[in-house]
């Protein structure tokens, strides 16, 4: 009887963890976009600048980035990654 070959895909947990790592790597780019977004705002028709709204926006974006980084770090470290090259077949590790 011939031995069945392992499937050409990773286990679901390892795949999701790697995608979360990819998302965490993109978080600084999203933060840079969020921080530079106020440059594109048009000022209102008032002679005074809108610094209060701009500073509240920047603080909120900063706090949201911290929260997202914390959640992603928790999700990434929650599930251990298997060794490279290990595939999972029906719940068991392939040799």
Protein backbone atom coordinates (compact mmCIF):
# COMPACT_ATOMS: atom_id res chain seq x y z
CA UNK A 1 0.00 0.00 0.00
CA UNK A 2 1.41 3.41 -0.93
CA UNK A 3 1.78 6.12 1.65
CA UNK A 4 -0.48 9.11 1.11
CA UNK A 5 1.38 12.37 0.56
CA UNK A 6 0.87 15.24 2.98
CA UNK A 7 -1.40 18.05 1.78
CA UNK A 8 0.38 21.09 0.32
CA UNK A 9 -1.04 23.52 2.86
CA UNK A 10 -0.26 24.54 6.42
CA UNK A 11 -2.35 23.83 9.44
CA UNK A 12 -5.11 26.36 10.00
CA UNK A 13 -3.68 27.65 13.29
CA UNK A 14 -0.21 28.23 11.84
CA UNK A 15 -1.67 29.90 8.75
CA UNK A 16 -3.79 32.30 10.81
CA UNK A 17 -0.86 33.11 13.08
CA UNK A 18 1.35 33.97 10.12
CA UNK A 19 -1.36 36.19 8.65
CA UNK A 20 -1.63 38.00 12.01
CA UNK A 21 2.13 38.54 11.93
CA UNK A 22 1.76 40.00 8.43
CA UNK A 23 -1.00 42.30 9.68
CA UNK A 24 1.19 43.37 12.60
CA UNK A 25 3.95 44.26 10.15
CA UNK A 26 1.52 46.52 8.27
CA UNK A 27 0.38 48.29 11.45
CA UNK A 28 3.18 50.94 11.34
CA UNK A 29 2.20 51.84 7.76
CA UNK A 30 -1.43 52.22 8.79
CA UNK A 31 -0.28 54.39 11.71
CA UNK A 32 1.82 56.61 9.46
CA UNK A 33 -1.15 57.06 7.15
CA UNK A 34 -3.39 57.91 10.10
CA UNK A 35 -0.87 60.44 11.45
CA UNK A 36 -0.36 62.19 8.11
CA UNK A 37 -4.07 62.28 7.28
CA UNK A 38 -4.66 65.63 9.09
CA UNK A 39 -2.33 67.30 6.59
CA UNK A 40 -4.98 66.71 3.93
CA UNK A 41 -7.80 68.31 5.95
CA UNK A 42 -9.09 71.63 4.71
CA UNK A 43 -9.34 74.31 7.38
CA UNK A 44 -12.77 75.67 8.23
CA UNK A 45 -13.79 79.17 7.24
CA UNK A 46 -12.64 80.51 10.62
CA UNK A 47 -9.38 82.40 11.01
CA UNK A 48 -8.30 80.22 13.99
CA UNK A 49 -6.72 76.86 13.22
CA UNK A 50 -8.52 73.68 14.31
CA UNK A 51 -5.77 72.42 16.58
CA UNK A 52 -8.09 71.01 19.24
CA UNK A 53 -9.84 68.68 16.81
CA UNK A 54 -6.53 67.73 15.17
CA UNK A 55 -4.87 66.93 18.49
CA UNK A 56 -7.89 64.91 19.63
CA UNK A 57 -7.74 62.96 16.36
CA UNK A 58 -4.00 62.28 16.70
CA UNK A 59 -4.38 61.17 20.33
CA UNK A 60 -7.28 58.88 19.36
CA UNK A 61 -5.31 57.38 16.45
CA UNK A 62 -2.32 56.86 18.73
CA UNK A 63 -4.47 55.14 21.38
CA UNK A 64 -6.14 52.97 18.73
CA UNK A 65 -2.73 51.88 17.39
CA UNK A 66 -1.64 50.91 20.88
CA UNK A 67 -4.83 48.92 21.39
CA UNK A 68 -4.51 47.16 18.03
CA UNK A 69 -0.86 46.30 18.69
CA UNK A 70 -1.79 44.83 22.07
CA UNK A 71 -4.61 42.73 20.61
CA UNK A 72 -2.42 41.48 17.76
CA UNK A 73 0.42 40.62 20.16
CA UNK A 74 -2.02 38.64 22.30
CA UNK A 75 -3.39 36.77 19.29
CA UNK A 76 0.07 36.01 17.93
CA UNK A 77 1.54 34.74 21.20
CA UNK A 78 -1.58 32.81 22.19
CA UNK A 79 -0.98 29.96 19.74
CA UNK A 80 2.48 28.40 19.48
CA UNK A 81 3.93 28.08 15.98
CA UNK A 82 5.03 24.66 14.82
CA UNK A 83 8.49 24.10 13.45
CA UNK A 84 9.02 25.11 9.84
CA UNK A 85 8.24 22.30 7.48
CA UNK A 86 5.82 20.52 9.79
CA UNK A 87 2.44 19.94 8.21
CA UNK A 88 -0.70 18.89 9.99
CA UNK A 89 -2.70 16.01 8.51
CA UNK A 90 -6.11 15.36 10.09
CA UNK A 91 -4.98 16.75 13.46
CA UNK A 92 -1.70 14.82 13.57
CA UNK A 93 1.74 16.13 12.69
CA UNK A 94 3.21 14.68 9.51
CA UNK A 95 6.63 12.98 9.80
